[in-house]
Amino acid sequence: MDVSDLDFALPEELIAQAPVEPRDASRLLHLPVRGGPARHLPFSSLPDLLSEGDLLVLNDSRVIPARLLGRKESGGRVEVLLVEPTPAFPGTAPGEPARWIAMAQASKPIRVGTRVDFDGLQAEVTRVDGEGFYEVRFDRDEQRLGEALERVGRLPLPPYIRREPDAGDRERYQTVIARAPGSVAAPTAGLHFTPGLLARLEARGVQRATVTLHVGPGTFLPVRAARLEEHRMHAERYEVSAETARAFAAARRDGRRVIAVGTTAVRTLESAFTPEGLRVGPGRTDIFILPGYRFRAVDGLVTNFHLPRSTLLALVCALGGVERVLGAYREAVELGYRFFSYGDAMAIL
């Protein structure tokens, strides 16, 4: 499939630069998976689209202040985006220097041995992986690194939000269920939920479970190949709890729907799926879901509107159908829906 098949015209003014308040005041386009016209609703009406016994699965990962601005010993500026702890050192022992995979850019090439100061937080480049990726070793262990990031790190808003993050983004660019720190971008479909909306879903008999997928470059890097099949996803960390696996097994046994909130929840469930149920525990996934994929774990999806020619749009089209989804996107553009991270949502049910 050509990447150009996932293109659509998007006026720049529809790219949301700030969130709406309250969270569930955003709009929701309901696209019935078996046909019929799209419905245009407030997101707060989501409980009316779901049934008693449906299992709603959300991603509880928390965004970390992963964007660092610093200077090399030569005085040159360096910008770093932390991606994940080096897989070979997933959780360094207390006192051991934290090592992270990062994306970085500077005015001059970054080489092994380059030292950078981030306002008192020191790091050294220990490996150059190519394609803009590096390994960096910090001057402190993971716990103290986390404390330093809260002091000097910046929230990594996506580049299409053309402003610096403010104090409000620290809270608003997190879901209300965010628990496990580790993402460099928000699982944005979850940004629409409020405690009140979650309570209404529970009162309706909708069950809720969580998975953890720490959002990394596998989610947001562009497709540079001409054909989707040639694109290689970067692996991301996920974890499935025993409680979620039990809830999933019960839903499958009873013939109830499993509805993922966000593409990250879809990728986690599909990666952890086995004929015997979900694999419990941590894992890594580079799964690339594109049209033609046979879904095994997910029956529906609540998601934001995504970038043209992106892996996220490919996943949505795999579930809803290319022409049907792109038709809904064109309708959303005509009606002035807000797009991307702080934008409106779609439900394919």
C-alpha atoms as a PDB file:
ATOM      1  CA  MET A   1       0.000   0.000   0.000  1.00  0.00           C
ATOM      2  CA  ASP A   2       1.374   3.426  -0.943  1.00  0.00           C
ATOM      3  CA  VAL A   3       1.788   5.907   1.880  1.00  0.00           C
ATOM      4  CA  SER A   4       0.112   8.488  -0.359  1.00  0.00           C
ATOM      5  CA  ASP A   5      -3.114   6.464  -0.064  1.00  0.00           C
ATOM      6  CA  LEU A   6      -3.349   7.790   3.529  1.00  0.00           C
ATOM      7  CA  ASP A   7      -3.161  11.441   2.561  1.00  0.00           C
ATOM      8  CA  PHE A   8      -5.871  14.030   3.119  1.00  0.00           C
ATOM      9  CA  ALA A   9      -6.108  17.812   3.000  1.00  0.00           C
ATOM     10  CA  LEU A  10      -5.936  19.430   6.427  1.00  0.00           C
ATOM     11  CA  PRO A  11      -6.128  23.215   6.875  1.00  0.00           C
ATOM     12  CA  GLU A  12      -3.478  24.370   9.328  1.00  0.00           C
ATOM     13  CA  GLU A  13      -6.029  26.236  11.452  1.00  0.00           C
ATOM     14  CA  LEU A  14      -7.652  22.906  12.425  1.00  0.00           C
ATOM     15  CA  ILE A  15      -4.503  21.704  14.224  1.00  0.00           C
ATOM     16  CA  ALA A  16      -5.399  22.239  17.878  1.00  0.00           C
ATOM     17  CA  GLN A  17      -2.871  24.404  19.727  1.00  0.00           C
ATOM     18  CA  ALA A  18      -4.559  24.185  23.144  1.00  0.00           C
ATOM     19  CA  PRO A  19      -7.087  21.867  24.803  1.00  0.00           C
ATOM     20  CA  VAL A  20     -10.758  22.595  25.353  1.00  0.00           C
ATOM     21  CA  GLU A  21     -12.182  22.763  28.870  1.00  0.00           C
ATOM     22  CA  PRO A  22     -13.580  20.714  30.408  1.00  0.00           C
ATOM     23  CA  ARG A  23     -11.869  17.685  28.923  1.00  0.00           C
ATOM     24  CA  ASP A  24     -15.060  15.957  27.798  1.00  0.00           C
ATOM     25  CA  ALA A  25     -16.320  19.091  26.003  1.00  0.00           C
ATOM     26  CA  SER A  26     -14.415  17.990  22.898  1.00  0.00           C
ATOM     27  CA  ARG A  27     -16.343  16.595  19.932  1.00  0.00           C
ATOM     28  CA  LEU A  28     -16.800  12.928  19.071  1.00  0.00           C
ATOM     29  CA  LEU A  29     -17.368  11.519  15.593  1.00  0.00           C
ATOM     30  CA  HIS A  30     -19.034   8.106  15.881  1.00  0.00           C
ATOM     31  CA  LEU A  31     -18.290   5.898  12.881  1.00  0.00           C
ATOM     32  CA  PRO A  32     -20.349   2.664  12.984  1.00  0.00           C
ATOM     33  CA  VAL A  33     -18.066  -0.102  11.806  1.00  0.00           C
ATOM     34  CA  ARG A  34     -20.808  -1.945   9.905  1.00  0.00           C
ATOM     35  CA  GLY A  35     -21.897   1.045   7.843  1.00  0.00           C
ATOM     36  CA  GLY A  36     -24.277   3.926   8.137  1.00  0.00           C
ATOM     37  CA  PRO A  37     -23.643   7.652   8.410  1.00  0.00           C
ATOM     38  CA  ALA A  38     -21.250   9.180  10.896  1.00  0.00           C
ATOM     39  CA  ARG A  39     -22.787  10.791  13.968  1.00  0.00           C
ATOM     40  CA  HIS A  40     -21.488  14.014  15.486  1.00  0.00           C
ATOM     41  CA  LEU A  41     -21.703  14.142  19.269  1.00  0.00           C
ATOM     42  CA  PRO A  42     -20.057  15.696  22.312  1.00  0.00           C
ATOM     43  CA  PHE A  43     -17.433  13.424  23.850  1.00  0.00           C
ATOM     44  CA  SER A  44     -19.435  13.443  27.080  1.00  0.00           C
ATOM     45  CA  SER A  45     -22.045  11.292  25.288  1.00  0.00           C
ATOM     46  CA  LEU A  46     -19.635   8.332  24.999  1.00  0.00           C
ATOM     47  CA  PRO A  47     -21.528   6.321  27.678  1.00  0.00           C
ATOM     48  CA  ASP A  48     -24.586   6.362  25.399  1.00  0.00           C
ATOM     49  CA  LEU A  49     -22.580   4.561  22.690  1.00  0.00           C
ATOM     50  CA  LEU A  50     -21.386   1.784  24.991  1.00  0.00           C
ATOM     51  CA  SER A  51     -23.238  -1.162  26.462  1.00  0.00           C
ATOM     52  CA  GLU A  52     -23.303  -2.803  29.848  1.00  0.00           C
ATOM     53  CA  GLY A  53     -20.437  -5.269  30.042  1.00  0.00           C
ATOM     54  CA  ASP A  54     -18.228  -3.568  27.450  1.00  0.00           C
ATOM     55  CA  LEU A  55     -14.581  -3.598  28.546  1.00  0.00           C
ATOM     56  CA  LEU A  56     -12.873  -0.236  28.017  1.00  0.00           C
ATOM     57  CA  VAL A  57      -9.064  -0.485  28.038  1.00  0.00           C
ATOM     58  CA  LEU A  58      -7.007   2.688  28.642  1.00  0.00           C
ATOM     59  CA  ASN A  59      -3.269   3.380  28.685  1.00  0.00           C
ATOM     60  CA  ASP A  60      -2.144   4.617  32.131  1.00  0.00           C
ATOM     61  CA  SER A  61       1.360   5.734  31.111  1.00  0.00           C
ATOM     62  CA  ARG A  62       2.461   9.139  32.365  1.00  0.00           C
ATOM     63  CA  VAL A  63       4.379  11.684  30.280  1.00  0.00           C
ATOM     64  CA  ILE A  64       7.765  12.632  31.726  1.00  0.00           C
ATOM     65  CA  PRO A  65       9.500  16.030  31.245  1.00  0.00           C
ATOM     66  CA  ALA A  66      11.770  14.394  28.689  1.00  0.00           C
ATOM     67  CA  ARG A  67      12.875  17.439  26.680  1.00  0.00           C
ATOM     68  CA  LEU A  68      16.251  18.811  27.785  1.00  0.00           C
ATOM     69  CA  LEU A  69      18.055  21.921  26.598  1.00  0.00           C
ATOM     70  CA  GLY A  70      21.765  22.107  27.366  1.00  0.00           C
ATOM     71  CA  ARG A  71      25.221  23.140  26.267  1.00  0.00           C
ATOM     72  CA  LYS A  72      28.311  21.202  25.299  1.00  0.00           C
ATOM     73  CA  GLU A  73      31.667  21.996  26.884  1.00  0.00           C
ATOM     74  CA  SER A  74      32.411  24.029  23.762  1.00  0.00           C
ATOM     75  CA  GLY A  75      29.337  26.159  24.446  1.00  0.00           C
ATOM     76  CA  GLY A  76      27.240  24.787  21.588  1.00  0.00           C
ATOM     77  CA  ARG A  77      23.557  24.233  22.246  1.00  0.00           C
ATOM     78  CA  VAL A  78      22.101  20.719  22.347  1.00  0.00           C
ATOM     79  CA  GLU A  79      18.469  19.644  22.482  1.00  0.00           C
ATOM     80  CA  VAL A  80      17.730  16.133  23.737  1.00  0.00           C
ATOM     81  CA  LEU A  81      14.532  14.090  23.888  1.00  0.00           C
ATOM     82  CA  LEU A  82      14.813  11.128  26.233  1.00  0.00           C
ATOM     83  CA  VAL A  83      13.183   8.029  24.743  1.00  0.00           C
ATOM     84  CA  GLU A  84      13.660   5.142  27.179  1.00  0.00           C
ATOM     85  CA  PRO A  85      16.201   3.621  29.562  1.00  0.00           C
ATOM     86  CA  THR A  86      18.786   1.647  27.600  1.00  0.00           C
ATOM     87  CA  PRO A  87      17.279  -1.857  27.233  1.00  0.00           C
ATOM     88  CA  ALA A  88      20.556  -3.412  28.410  1.00  0.00           C
ATOM     89  CA  PHE A  89      20.230  -1.356  31.624  1.00  0.00           C
ATOM     90  CA  PRO A  90      16.450  -1.258  32.171  1.00  0.00           C
ATOM     91  CA  GLY A  91      16.628  -0.275  35.823  1.00  0.00           C
ATOM     92  CA  THR A  92      20.049   0.615  37.105  1.00  0.00           C
ATOM     93  CA  ALA A  93      20.835  -0.200  40.710  1.00  0.00           C
ATOM     94  CA  PRO A  94      20.853   2.638  43.259  1.00  0.00           C
ATOM     95  CA  GLY A  95      24.025   4.650  42.766  1.00  0.00           C
ATOM     96  CA  GLU A  96      24.643   3.346  39.237  1.00  0.00           C
ATOM     97  CA  PRO A  97      24.554   6.010  36.493  1.00  0.00           C
ATOM     98  CA  ALA A  98      21.292   6.038  34.553  1.00  0.00           C
ATOM     99  CA  ARG A  99      21.645   5.305  30.841  1.00  0.00           C
ATOM    100  CA  TRP A 100      19.028   6.373  28.313  1.00  0.00           C
ATOM    101  CA  ILE A 101      18.397   6.152  24.606  1.00  0.00           C
ATOM    102  CA  ALA A 102      17.704   9.656  23.338  1.00  0.00           C
ATOM    103  CA  MET A 103      17.116  11.649  20.202  1.00  0.00           C
ATOM    104  CA  ALA A 104      19.316  14.718  19.965  1.00  0.00           C
ATOM    105  CA  GLN A 105      20.187  17.571  17.661  1.00  0.00           C
ATOM    106  CA  ALA A 106      22.850  20.251  17.704  1.00  0.00           C
ATOM    107  CA  SER A 107      24.418  22.746  15.344  1.00  0.00           C
ATOM    108  CA  LYS A 108      27.450  20.462  14.906  1.00  0.00           C
ATOM    109  CA  PRO A 109      27.685  16.651  14.876  1.00  0.00           C
ATOM    110  CA  ILE A 110      27.352  14.939  18.266  1.00  0.00           C
ATOM    111  CA  ARG A 111      30.109  12.395  18.867  1.00  0.00           C
ATOM    112  CA  VAL A 112      30.878   9.744  21.455  1.00  0.00           C
ATOM    113  CA  GLY A 113      32.395  11.423  24.482  1.00  0.00           C
ATOM    114  CA  THR A 114      30.465  14.676  24.072  1.00  0.00           C
ATOM    115  CA  ARG A 115      29.565  16.059  27.487  1.00  0.00           C
ATOM    116  CA  VAL A 116      26.471  18.183  27.984  1.00  0.00           C
ATOM    117  CA  ASP A 117      25.312  20.263  30.928  1.00  0.00           C
ATOM    118  CA  PHE A 118      21.541  20.643  31.431  1.00  0.00           C
ATOM    119  CA  ASP A 119      21.490  23.321  34.132  1.00  0.00           C
ATOM    120  CA  GLY A 120      23.388  21.148  36.610  1.00  0.00           C
ATOM    121  CA  LEU A 121      22.352  17.761  35.231  1.00  0.00           C
ATOM    122  CA  GLN A 122      25.396  16.260  33.483  1.00  0.00           C
ATOM    123  CA  ALA A 123      25.382  13.699  30.684  1.00  0.00           C
ATOM    124  CA  GLU A 124      27.897  12.070  28.362  1.00  0.00           C
ATOM    125  CA  VAL A 125      27.200  10.552  24.947  1.00  0.00           C
ATOM    126  CA  THR A 126      28.362   6.935  25.077  1.00  0.00           C
ATOM    127  CA  ARG A 127      27.057   5.629  21.738  1.00  0.00           C
ATOM    128  CA  VAL A 128      25.843   6.986  18.405  1.00  0.00           C
ATOM    129  CA  ASP A 129      23.158   4.754  16.891  1.00  0.00           C
ATOM    130  CA  GLY A 130      22.401   6.722  13.741  1.00  0.00           C
ATOM    131  CA  GLU A 131      19.136   8.246  12.487  1.00  0.00           C
ATOM    132  CA  GLY A 132      19.358  10.808  15.284  1.00  0.00           C
ATOM    133  CA  PHE A 133      19.517   8.310  18.176  1.00  0.00           C
ATOM    134  CA  TYR A 134      22.175   8.249  20.902  1.00  0.00           C
ATOM    135  CA  GLU A 135      22.890   6.589  24.216  1.00  0.00           C
ATOM    136  CA  VAL A 136      23.642   9.010  27.046  1.00  0.00           C
ATOM    137  CA  ARG A 137      24.954   8.279  30.543  1.00  0.00           C
ATOM    138  CA  PHE A 138      23.944  10.636  33.334  1.00  0.00           C
ATOM    139  CA  ASP A 139      25.827  11.621  36.449  1.00  0.00           C
ATOM    140  CA  ARG A 140      23.202  10.120  38.772  1.00  0.00           C
ATOM    141  CA  ASP A 141      21.014   7.060  39.208  1.00  0.00           C
ATOM    142  CA  GLU A 142      17.416   6.659  37.983  1.00  0.00           C
ATOM    143  CA  GLN A 143      15.767   8.005  41.127  1.00  0.00           C
ATOM    144  CA  ARG A 144      17.876  11.151  41.239  1.00  0.00           C
ATOM    145  CA  LEU A 145      17.537  11.543  37.475  1.00  0.00           C
ATOM    146  CA  GLY A 146      13.756  11.581  37.844  1.00  0.00           C
ATOM    147  CA  GLU A 147      14.059  14.305  40.472  1.00  0.00           C
ATOM    148  CA  ALA A 148      16.350  16.328  38.192  1.00  0.00           C
ATOM    149  CA  LEU A 149      13.986  16.000  35.233  1.00  0.00           C
ATOM    150  CA  GLU A 150      11.196  17.505  37.299  1.00  0.00           C
ATOM    151  CA  ARG A 151      13.479  20.489  37.862  1.00  0.00           C
ATOM    152  CA  VAL A 152      15.135  21.042  34.463  1.00  0.00           C
ATOM    153  CA  GLY A 153      13.122  18.954  31.986  1.00  0.00           C
ATOM    154  CA  ARG A 154      10.399  20.329  29.769  1.00  0.00           C
ATOM    155  CA  LEU A 155       7.158  18.712  28.749  1.00  0.00           C
ATOM    156  CA  PRO A 156       7.657  17.349  25.207  1.00  0.00           C
ATOM    157  CA  LEU A 157       4.663  18.827  23.403  1.00  0.00           C
ATOM    158  CA  PRO A 158       4.462  17.631  19.782  1.00  0.00           C
ATOM    159  CA  PRO A 159       6.150  19.856  17.177  1.00  0.00           C
ATOM    160  CA  TYR A 160       2.826  20.748  15.530  1.00  0.00           C
ATOM    161  CA  ILE A 161       1.889  22.605  18.731  1.00  0.00           C
ATOM    162  CA  ARG A 162       3.784  25.760  17.882  1.00  0.00           C
ATOM    163  CA  ARG A 163       4.358  27.167  21.343  1.00  0.00           C
ATOM    164  CA  GLU A 164       6.363  26.380  24.435  1.00  0.00           C
ATOM    165  CA  PRO A 165       4.539  24.377  27.125  1.00  0.00           C
ATOM    166  CA  ASP A 166       3.112  26.398  29.985  1.00  0.00           C
ATOM    167  CA  ALA A 167       2.218  25.497  33.576  1.00  0.00           C
ATOM    168  CA  GLY A 168      -1.242  24.321  32.492  1.00  0.00           C
ATOM    169  CA  ASP A 169       0.185  21.740  30.120  1.00  0.00           C
ATOM    170  CA  ARG A 170       1.895  19.948  33.007  1.00  0.00           C
ATOM    171  CA  GLU A 171      -1.538  18.809  34.168  1.00  0.00           C
ATOM    172  CA  ARG A 172      -3.574  18.960  30.966  1.00  0.00           C
ATOM    173  CA  TYR A 173      -1.164  16.888  28.830  1.00  0.00           C
ATOM    174  CA  GLN A 174      -1.663  13.972  31.236  1.00  0.00           C
ATOM    175  CA  THR A 175      -4.685  11.691  31.359  1.00  0.00           C
ATOM    176  CA  VAL A 176      -6.616  11.630  34.633  1.00  0.00           C
ATOM    177  CA  ILE A 177      -5.554   7.994  35.113  1.00  0.00           C
ATOM    178  CA  ALA A 178      -1.838   8.587  34.348  1.00  0.00           C
ATOM    179  CA  ARG A 179       0.154   6.486  36.798  1.00  0.00           C
ATOM    180  CA  ALA A 180       3.362   4.964  35.377  1.00  0.00           C
ATOM    181  CA  PRO A 181       6.019   7.540  34.297  1.00  0.00           C
ATOM    182  CA  GLY A 182       7.782   6.812  31.017  1.00  0.00           C
ATOM    183  CA  SER A 183       6.080   8.321  27.949  1.00  0.00           C
ATOM    184  CA  VAL A 184       7.512  11.090  25.780  1.00  0.00           C
ATOM    185  CA  ALA A 185       4.078  11.824  24.292  1.00  0.00           C
ATOM    186  CA  ALA A 186       0.622  11.518  25.800  1.00  0.00           C
ATOM    187  CA  PRO A 187      -1.752   8.660  24.944  1.00  0.00           C
ATOM    188  CA  THR A 188      -4.011  11.398  23.654  1.00  0.00           C
ATOM    189  CA  ALA A 189      -7.331   9.556  23.337  1.00  0.00           C
ATOM    190  CA  GLY A 190      -7.349   9.360  27.123  1.00  0.00           C
ATOM    191  CA  LEU A 191      -7.090  13.142  27.473  1.00  0.00           C
ATOM    192  CA  HIS A 192     -10.863  13.479  26.924  1.00  0.00           C
ATOM    193  CA  PHE A 193     -11.842  11.527  30.039  1.00  0.00           C
ATOM    194  CA  THR A 194     -12.797  13.168  33.334  1.00  0.00           C
ATOM    195  CA  PRO A 195     -13.423  11.553  36.731  1.00  0.00           C
ATOM    196  CA  GLY A 196     -17.112  12.333  36.246  1.00  0.00           C
ATOM    197  CA  LEU A 197     -17.241  10.673  32.825  1.00  0.00           C
ATOM    198  CA  LEU A 198     -15.459   7.594  34.176  1.00  0.00           C
ATOM    199  CA  ALA A 199     -18.039   7.443  36.979  1.00  0.00           C
ATOM    200  CA  ARG A 200     -20.904   7.632  34.470  1.00  0.00           C
ATOM    201  CA  LEU A 201     -19.351   4.815  32.438  1.00  0.00           C
ATOM    202  CA  GLU A 202     -19.073   2.696  35.572  1.00  0.00           C
ATOM    203  CA  ALA A 203     -22.687   3.438  36.490  1.00  0.00           C
ATOM    204  CA  ARG A 204     -23.734   2.246  33.040  1.00  0.00           C
ATOM    205  CA  GLY A 205     -22.016  -1.068  33.671  1.00  0.00           C
ATOM    206  CA  VAL A 206     -19.023  -0.437  31.406  1.00  0.00           C
ATOM    207  CA  GLN A 207     -15.992  -2.182  32.830  1.00  0.00           C
ATOM    208  CA  ARG A 208     -12.556  -0.574  32.805  1.00  0.00           C
ATOM    209  CA  ALA A 209      -9.026  -1.949  32.651  1.00  0.00           C
ATOM    210  CA  THR A 210      -5.614  -0.438  32.021  1.00  0.00           C
ATOM    211  CA  VAL A 211      -2.457  -1.364  30.183  1.00  0.00           C
ATOM    212  CA  THR A 212       0.817   0.541  30.121  1.00  0.00           C
ATOM    213  CA  LEU A 213       2.595   1.439  26.906  1.00  0.00           C
ATOM    214  CA  HIS A 214       5.290   4.078  27.222  1.00  0.00           C
ATOM    215  CA  VAL A 215       4.898   6.175  24.096  1.00  0.00           C
ATOM    216  CA  GLY A 216       8.144   6.602  22.188  1.00  0.00           C
ATOM    217  CA  PRO A 217       9.284   7.312  18.627  1.00  0.00           C
ATOM    218  CA  GLY A 218       7.526   4.180  17.382  1.00  0.00           C
ATOM    219  CA  THR A 219       4.312   6.161  17.714  1.00  0.00           C
ATOM    220  CA  PHE A 220       5.258   9.543  16.324  1.00  0.00           C
ATOM    221  CA  LEU A 221       8.098   9.153  13.790  1.00  0.00           C
ATOM    222  CA  PRO A 222       6.991   9.811  10.180  1.00  0.00           C
ATOM    223  CA  VAL A 223       6.782   7.180   7.478  1.00  0.00           C
ATOM    224  CA  ARG A 224       9.654   7.931   5.094  1.00  0.00           C
ATOM    225  CA  ALA A 225       9.241   4.892   2.841  1.00  0.00           C
ATOM    226  CA  ALA A 226       7.067   5.088  -0.266  1.00  0.00           C
ATOM    227  CA  ARG A 227       5.163   1.962   0.725  1.00  0.00           C
ATOM    228  CA  LEU A 228       3.769   1.227   4.183  1.00  0.00           C
ATOM    229  CA  GLU A 229       5.199  -2.309   4.201  1.00  0.00           C
ATOM    230  CA  GLU A 230       8.723  -0.874   4.034  1.00  0.00           C
ATOM    231  CA  HIS A 231       8.365   1.190   7.225  1.00  0.00           C
ATOM    232  CA  ARG A 232      10.097  -0.111  10.354  1.00  0.00           C
ATOM    233  CA  MET A 233       8.561   0.723  13.726  1.00  0.00           C
ATOM    234  CA  HIS A 234      10.759   1.480  16.743  1.00  0.00           C
ATOM    235  CA  ALA A 235      10.034  -0.808  19.682  1.00  0.00           C
ATOM    236  CA  GLU A 236       8.194   0.541  22.717  1.00  0.00           C
ATOM    237  CA  ARG A 237       7.837  -0.798  26.251  1.00  0.00           C
ATOM    238  CA  TYR A 238       4.530  -2.113  27.528  1.00  0.00           C
ATOM    239  CA  GLU A 239       3.136  -4.030  30.482  1.00  0.00           C
ATOM    240  CA  VAL A 240      -0.065  -5.987  31.060  1.00  0.00           C
ATOM    241  CA  SER A 241      -1.232  -6.692  34.600  1.00  0.00           C
ATOM    242  CA  ALA A 242      -2.763  -9.959  35.763  1.00  0.00           C
ATOM    243  CA  GLU A 243      -5.925  -8.031  36.660  1.00  0.00           C
ATOM    244  CA  THR A 244      -6.293  -6.735  33.095  1.00  0.00           C
ATOM    245  CA  ALA A 245      -5.611 -10.190  31.659  1.00  0.00           C
ATOM    246  CA  ARG A 246      -8.399 -11.616  33.852  1.00  0.00           C
ATOM    247  CA  ALA A 247     -10.822  -8.882  32.784  1.00  0.00           C
ATOM    248  CA  PHE A 248      -9.976  -9.492  29.114  1.00  0.00           C
ATOM    249  CA  ALA A 249     -10.416 -13.265  29.466  1.00  0.00           C
ATOM    250  CA  ALA A 250     -13.801 -12.807  31.139  1.00  0.00           C
ATOM    251  CA  ALA A 251     -14.983 -10.430  28.399  1.00  0.00           C
ATOM    252  CA  ARG A 252     -13.907 -12.854  25.695  1.00  0.00           C
ATOM    253  CA  ARG A 253     -15.541 -15.783  27.485  1.00  0.00           C
ATOM    254  CA  ASP A 254     -18.833 -13.888  27.821  1.00  0.00           C
ATOM    255  CA  GLY A 255     -18.824 -12.494  24.278  1.00  0.00           C
ATOM    256  CA  ARG A 256     -18.529  -8.878  25.448  1.00  0.00           C
ATOM    257  CA  ARG A 257     -16.805  -6.154  23.432  1.00  0.00           C
ATOM    258  CA  VAL A 258     -13.247  -5.034  24.132  1.00  0.00           C
ATOM    259  CA  ILE A 259     -12.843  -1.369  23.206  1.00  0.00           C
ATOM    260  CA  ALA A 260      -9.405   0.238  23.233  1.00  0.00           C
ATOM    261  CA  VAL A 261      -8.919   3.884  24.140  1.00  0.00           C
ATOM    262  CA  GLY A 262      -6.135   5.003  21.825  1.00  0.00           C
ATOM    263  CA  THR A 263      -3.859   3.342  19.319  1.00  0.00           C
ATOM    264  CA  THR A 264      -1.326   2.583  22.072  1.00  0.00           C
ATOM    265  CA  ALA A 265      -3.890   0.434  23.891  1.00  0.00           C
ATOM    266  CA  VAL A 266      -4.654  -1.351  20.604  1.00  0.00           C
ATOM    267  CA  ARG A 267      -0.989  -2.077  19.961  1.00  0.00           C
ATOM    268  CA  THR A 268      -0.496  -3.351  23.511  1.00  0.00           C
ATOM    269  CA  LEU A 269      -3.506  -5.672  23.431  1.00  0.00           C
ATOM    270  CA  GLU A 270      -2.700  -7.028  19.979  1.00  0.00           C
ATOM    271  CA  SER A 271       0.967  -7.554  20.928  1.00  0.00           C
ATOM    272  CA  ALA A 272       0.152  -9.353  24.186  1.00  0.00           C
ATOM    273  CA  PHE A 273      -2.611 -11.503  22.671  1.00  0.00           C
ATOM    274  CA  THR A 274      -2.295 -15.277  22.505  1.00  0.00           C
ATOM    275  CA  PRO A 275      -5.046 -17.830  21.851  1.00  0.00           C
ATOM    276  CA  GLU A 276      -4.919 -18.592  25.578  1.00  0.00           C
ATOM    277  CA  GLY A 277      -5.321 -14.938  26.591  1.00  0.00           C
ATOM    278  CA  LEU A 278      -3.109 -11.911  27.217  1.00  0.00           C
ATOM    279  CA  ARG A 279       0.517 -12.443  28.234  1.00  0.00           C
ATOM    280  CA  VAL A 280       1.026 -10.934  31.673  1.00  0.00           C
ATOM    281  CA  GLY A 281       4.074  -8.812  32.458  1.00  0.00           C
ATOM    282  CA  PRO A 282       6.434  -6.486  30.612  1.00  0.00           C
ATOM    283  CA  GLY A 283       7.235  -6.677  26.928  1.00  0.00           C
ATOM    284  CA  ARG A 284       8.411  -4.719  23.917  1.00  0.00           C
ATOM    285  CA  THR A 285       6.493  -4.252  20.699  1.00  0.00           C
ATOM    286  CA  ASP A 286       7.276  -2.966  17.228  1.00  0.00           C
ATOM    287  CA  ILE A 287       3.944  -4.142  15.820  1.00  0.00           C
ATOM    288  CA  PHE A 288       2.818  -2.158  12.767  1.00  0.00           C
ATOM    289  CA  ILE A 289      -0.924  -2.487  12.186  1.00  0.00           C
ATOM    290  CA  LEU A 290      -1.945  -1.506   8.674  1.00  0.00           C
ATOM    291  CA  PRO A 291      -4.903  -2.251   6.378  1.00  0.00           C
ATOM    292  CA  GLY A 292      -5.301  -5.978   5.921  1.00  0.00           C
ATOM    293  CA  TYR A 293      -4.471  -6.743   9.565  1.00  0.00           C
ATOM    294  CA  ARG A 294      -6.783  -9.228  11.306  1.00  0.00           C
ATOM    295  CA  PHE A 295      -7.621  -7.924  14.776  1.00  0.00           C
ATOM    296  CA  ARG A 296      -7.643 -10.563  17.473  1.00  0.00           C
ATOM    297  CA  ALA A 297      -8.003  -8.631  20.735  1.00  0.00           C
ATOM    298  CA  VAL A 298      -9.933  -5.445  19.927  1.00  0.00           C
ATOM    299  CA  ASP A 299     -13.531  -4.901  18.794  1.00  0.00           C
ATOM    300  CA  GLY A 300     -13.666  -1.101  18.832  1.00  0.00           C
ATOM    301  CA  LEU A 301     -11.552   2.011  19.205  1.00  0.00           C
ATOM    302  CA  VAL A 302     -11.781   5.512  20.651  1.00  0.00           C
ATOM    303  CA  THR A 303      -9.018   7.651  19.175  1.00  0.00           C
ATOM    304  CA  ASN A 304      -7.999  11.159  18.179  1.00  0.00           C
ATOM    305  CA  PHE A 305      -7.662  12.397  14.597  1.00  0.00           C
ATOM    306  CA  HIS A 306      -4.182  11.630  13.302  1.00  0.00           C
ATOM    307  CA  LEU A 307      -1.554  12.998  10.934  1.00  0.00           C
ATOM    308  CA  PRO A 308      -1.852  12.277   7.208  1.00  0.00           C
ATOM    309  CA  ARG A 309       0.410   9.452   5.956  1.00  0.00           C
ATOM    310  CA  SER A 310       1.084   8.240   9.515  1.00  0.00           C
ATOM    311  CA  THR A 311       1.313   4.821  11.164  1.00  0.00           C
ATOM    312  CA  LEU A 312      -1.509   5.859  13.513  1.00  0.00           C
ATOM    313  CA  LEU A 313      -3.851   6.624  10.634  1.00  0.00           C
ATOM    314  CA  ALA A 314      -2.891   3.290   9.062  1.00  0.00           C
ATOM    315  CA  LEU A 315      -4.009   1.511  12.251  1.00  0.00           C
ATOM    316  CA  VAL A 316      -7.346   3.351  12.314  1.00  0.00           C
ATOM    317  CA  CYS A 317      -7.918   2.505   8.649  1.00  0.00           C
ATOM    318  CA  ALA A 318      -7.120  -1.140   9.360  1.00  0.00           C
ATOM    319  CA  LEU A 319     -10.042  -1.233  11.784  1.00  0.00           C
ATOM    320  CA  GLY A 320     -12.544   1.042  10.044  1.00  0.00           C
ATOM    321  CA  GLY A 321     -11.630   0.636   6.376  1.00  0.00           C
ATOM    322  CA  VAL A 322      -9.497   3.033   4.335  1.00  0.00           C
ATOM    323  CA  GLU A 323     -12.243   4.708   2.295  1.00  0.00           C
ATOM    324  CA  ARG A 324     -14.662   4.837   5.201  1.00  0.00           C
ATOM    325  CA  VAL A 325     -12.158   6.381   7.621  1.00  0.00           C
ATOM    326  CA  LEU A 326     -10.774   8.873   5.112  1.00  0.00           C
ATOM    327  CA  GLY A 327     -14.333   9.833   4.204  1.00  0.00           C
ATOM    328  CA  ALA A 328     -15.016  10.511   7.890  1.00  0.00           C
ATOM    329  CA  TYR A 329     -11.815  12.556   8.067  1.00  0.00           C
ATOM    330  CA  ARG A 330     -12.925  14.689   5.118  1.00  0.00           C
ATOM    331  CA  GLU A 331     -16.294  15.200   6.806  1.00  0.00           C
ATOM    332  CA  ALA A 332     -14.549  16.179  10.034  1.00  0.00           C
ATOM    333  CA  VAL A 333     -12.465  18.747   8.152  1.00  0.00           C
ATOM    334  CA  GLU A 334     -15.577  20.229   6.545  1.00  0.00           C
ATOM    335  CA  LEU A 335     -17.234  20.526   9.973  1.00  0.00           C
ATOM    336  CA  GLY A 336     -14.218  22.135  11.615  1.00  0.00           C
ATOM    337  CA  TYR A 337     -13.168  19.338  13.945  1.00  0.00           C
ATOM    338  CA  ARG A 338      -9.939  19.968  15.855  1.00  0.00           C
ATOM    339  CA  PHE A 339      -7.071  17.618  14.969  1.00  0.00           C
ATOM    340  CA  PHE A 340      -4.167  15.853  16.716  1.00  0.00           C
ATOM    341  CA  SER A 341      -3.129  15.731  20.375  1.00  0.00           C
ATOM    342  CA  TYR A 342      -5.334  18.459  21.852  1.00  0.00           C
ATOM    343  CA  GLY A 343      -8.072  17.909  19.258  1.00  0.00           C
ATOM    344  CA  ASP A 344     -11.362  16.020  19.011  1.00  0.00           C
ATOM    345  CA  ALA A 345     -12.006  12.280  18.904  1.00  0.00           C
ATOM    346  CA  MET A 346     -13.489   9.477  16.836  1.00  0.00           C
ATOM    347  CA  ALA A 347     -15.175   6.275  17.995  1.00  0.00           C
ATOM    348  CA  ILE A 348     -15.205   3.242  15.690  1.00  0.00           C
ATOM    349  CA  LEU A 349     -17.703   0.862  17.255  1.00  0.00           C
END
